Amino acid sequence: YRPLVDAFTKALAAQPANGAPVARAVKPVAPFGLCYDTKSLGNNLGGYWVPNVGLAVDGGSDWAMTGKNSMVDVKPGTACVAFVEMKGVEAGDGRAPAAILGGAQMEDFVLDFDMEKKRLGFSRLPQFTGCSSFNFAGST
């Protein structure tokens, strides 16, 4: 979790050199640890104008998340980095420090949990579509 947040913060601080607004941190809102004033974050088609978050997985795949999947609006005027630190593990445990991925990261992605082969597949839905328009019942 900590390396993810530190890398995100460093990349966000460097963005104004590329024309992005200067993000202003605000008091965190539980369970999130890093929050910003939404007026200080720009918007684009990918959500808030924040650094992309890439999750590298075995096999060479990369799950790239834009501001739409890495930020969550928690109250008017406040958006938080949508990763939560795993609690209840001790330093050196091997599972720590872990980041919990949740609904914000999975939104507008199709995830294939192959339990038999013990692997996860993922792909982004086409632009301007959403899970709400996906036919999970099959063809008619």
Protein backbone atom coordinates (compact mmCIF):
# COMPACT_ATOMS: atom_id res chain seq x y z
CA TYR A 1 0.00 0.00 0.00
CA ARG A 2 2.65 2.53 1.05
CA PRO A 3 4.73 2.21 -2.17
CA LEU A 4 1.54 2.70 -4.23
CA VAL A 5 0.52 5.83 -2.33
CA ASP A 6 4.06 7.27 -2.33
CA ALA A 7 4.43 6.75 -6.10
CA PHE A 8 0.98 8.24 -6.74
CA THR A 9 1.75 11.32 -4.60
CA LYS A 10 5.12 11.86 -6.31
CA ALA A 11 3.62 11.54 -9.82
CA LEU A 12 0.73 13.86 -8.91
CA ALA A 13 3.16 16.50 -7.62
CA ALA A 14 5.03 16.37 -10.96
CA GLN A 15 1.91 16.80 -13.13
CA PRO A 16 1.71 20.64 -13.08
CA ALA A 17 4.86 20.67 -15.23
CA ASN A 18 2.68 19.03 -17.92
CA GLY A 19 -0.16 21.54 -17.65
CA ALA A 20 -2.24 19.78 -14.99
CA PRO A 21 -3.65 21.75 -12.05
CA VAL A 22 -1.93 21.68 -8.66
CA ALA A 23 -3.81 19.13 -6.54
CA ARG A 24 -4.61 20.28 -2.99
CA ALA A 25 -4.69 17.56 -0.33
CA VAL A 26 -7.46 17.67 2.28
CA LYS A 27 -8.17 15.75 5.48
CA PRO A 28 -8.59 12.03 4.68
CA VAL A 29 -12.04 10.47 4.89
CA ALA A 30 -12.08 6.92 6.33
CA PRO A 31 -11.33 4.32 5.16
CA PHE A 32 -9.20 6.20 2.61
CA GLY A 33 -5.82 7.65 3.50
CA LEU A 34 -5.25 10.23 0.77
CA CYS A 35 -7.88 12.76 -0.33
CA TYR A 36 -8.01 15.92 -2.46
CA ASP A 37 -10.18 18.97 -3.04
CA THR A 38 -12.04 18.14 -6.27
CA LYS A 39 -11.81 21.77 -7.41
CA SER A 40 -8.03 21.35 -7.55
CA LEU A 41 -8.22 18.24 -9.75
CA GLY A 42 -8.83 18.60 -13.45
CA ASN A 43 -11.24 16.30 -15.29
CA ASN A 44 -10.94 14.46 -18.59
CA LEU A 45 -12.61 11.47 -20.27
CA GLY A 46 -10.67 9.17 -17.94
CA GLY A 47 -12.03 10.79 -14.78
CA TYR A 48 -9.96 13.05 -12.55
CA TRP A 49 -6.68 14.26 -14.03
CA VAL A 50 -4.41 12.18 -11.83
CA PRO A 51 -1.59 9.76 -12.64
CA ASN A 52 -2.63 6.41 -14.08
CA VAL A 53 -2.13 3.48 -11.75
CA GLY A 54 -0.70 0.35 -13.31
CA LEU A 55 -0.99 -3.07 -11.75
CA ALA A 56 1.55 -5.50 -13.23
CA VAL A 57 0.59 -9.15 -12.96
CA ASP A 58 2.35 -12.43 -13.71
CA GLY A 59 2.45 -13.28 -17.38
CA GLY A 60 3.28 -9.75 -18.50
CA SER A 61 -0.21 -8.26 -18.38
CA ASP A 62 -0.79 -4.76 -17.06
CA TRP A 63 -4.04 -3.42 -15.63
CA ALA A 64 -3.98 0.35 -16.23
CA MET A 65 -6.41 2.46 -14.21
CA THR A 66 -7.26 6.08 -14.96
CA GLY A 67 -8.67 8.61 -12.51
CA LYS A 68 -12.10 7.09 -13.05
CA ASN A 69 -10.93 3.88 -11.37
CA SER A 70 -8.29 5.23 -9.01
CA MET A 71 -10.33 8.02 -7.38
CA VAL A 72 -13.67 7.94 -5.56
CA ASP A 73 -15.92 10.87 -4.63
CA VAL A 74 -16.59 10.55 -0.89
CA LYS A 75 -18.48 13.78 -0.25
CA PRO A 76 -19.12 17.03 -2.12
CA GLY A 77 -15.78 18.62 -2.94
CA THR A 78 -13.65 15.67 -1.79
CA ALA A 79 -12.25 12.74 -3.79
CA CYS A 80 -9.91 10.12 -2.38
CA VAL A 81 -7.38 7.72 -3.85
CA ALA A 82 -9.54 4.58 -4.02
CA PHE A 83 -7.12 2.11 -2.51
CA VAL A 84 -7.36 0.98 1.09
CA GLU A 85 -4.55 -0.34 3.25
CA MET A 86 -5.01 -3.92 4.42
CA LYS A 87 -5.26 -3.93 8.21
CA GLY A 88 -4.67 -6.70 10.71
CA VAL A 89 -1.30 -7.90 9.44
CA GLU A 90 2.06 -7.33 11.02
CA ALA A 91 5.10 -5.87 9.25
CA GLY A 92 7.14 -8.65 7.65
CA ASP A 93 4.08 -10.91 7.35
CA GLY A 94 4.52 -11.33 3.58
CA ARG A 95 0.98 -10.09 3.00
CA ALA A 96 1.83 -6.62 4.29
CA PRO A 97 1.73 -3.88 3.26
CA ALA A 98 -1.08 -4.77 0.89
CA ALA A 99 -3.56 -2.57 -0.95
CA ILE A 100 -7.16 -3.67 -1.25
CA LEU A 101 -8.70 -3.40 -4.71
CA GLY A 102 -12.45 -2.91 -4.74
CA GLY A 103 -15.45 -1.80 -6.72
CA ALA A 104 -13.89 1.46 -7.94
CA GLN A 105 -11.08 -0.42 -9.67
CA MET A 106 -13.40 -3.04 -11.18
CA GLU A 107 -15.95 -0.57 -12.53
CA ASP A 108 -16.22 -0.74 -16.32
CA PHE A 109 -13.91 -3.74 -16.53
CA VAL A 110 -14.97 -7.28 -17.31
CA LEU A 111 -13.23 -9.64 -14.90
CA ASP A 112 -12.95 -13.36 -15.57
CA PHE A 113 -12.20 -15.38 -12.45
CA ASP A 114 -10.96 -18.75 -13.76
CA MET A 115 -11.00 -20.81 -10.57
CA GLU A 116 -9.93 -24.03 -12.30
CA LYS A 117 -6.75 -22.50 -13.74
CA LYS A 118 -6.35 -20.14 -10.75
CA ARG A 119 -6.05 -17.01 -12.82
CA LEU A 120 -7.73 -13.68 -13.35
CA GLY A 121 -8.47 -12.13 -16.72
CA PHE A 122 -9.55 -8.53 -17.22
CA SER A 123 -10.42 -6.17 -20.03
CA ARG A 124 -11.78 -2.65 -20.20
CA LEU A 125 -15.26 -2.16 -21.62
CA PRO A 126 -15.37 -0.14 -24.86
CA GLN A 127 -15.41 3.63 -24.33
CA PHE A 128 -18.84 5.17 -23.68
CA THR A 129 -20.31 1.87 -22.48
CA GLY A 130 -20.84 0.71 -18.94
CA CYS A 131 -21.61 -2.41 -16.97
CA SER A 132 -25.21 -1.27 -16.63
CA SER A 133 -25.71 -1.82 -20.38
CA PHE A 134 -24.01 -5.23 -20.45
CA ASN A 135 -26.32 -8.21 -21.10
CA PHE A 136 -25.33 -10.77 -18.46
CA ALA A 137 -28.29 -13.05 -19.31
CA GLY A 138 -26.97 -14.00 -22.75
CA SER A 139 -28.44 -13.47 -26.18
CA THR A 140 -32.17 -13.36 -26.89
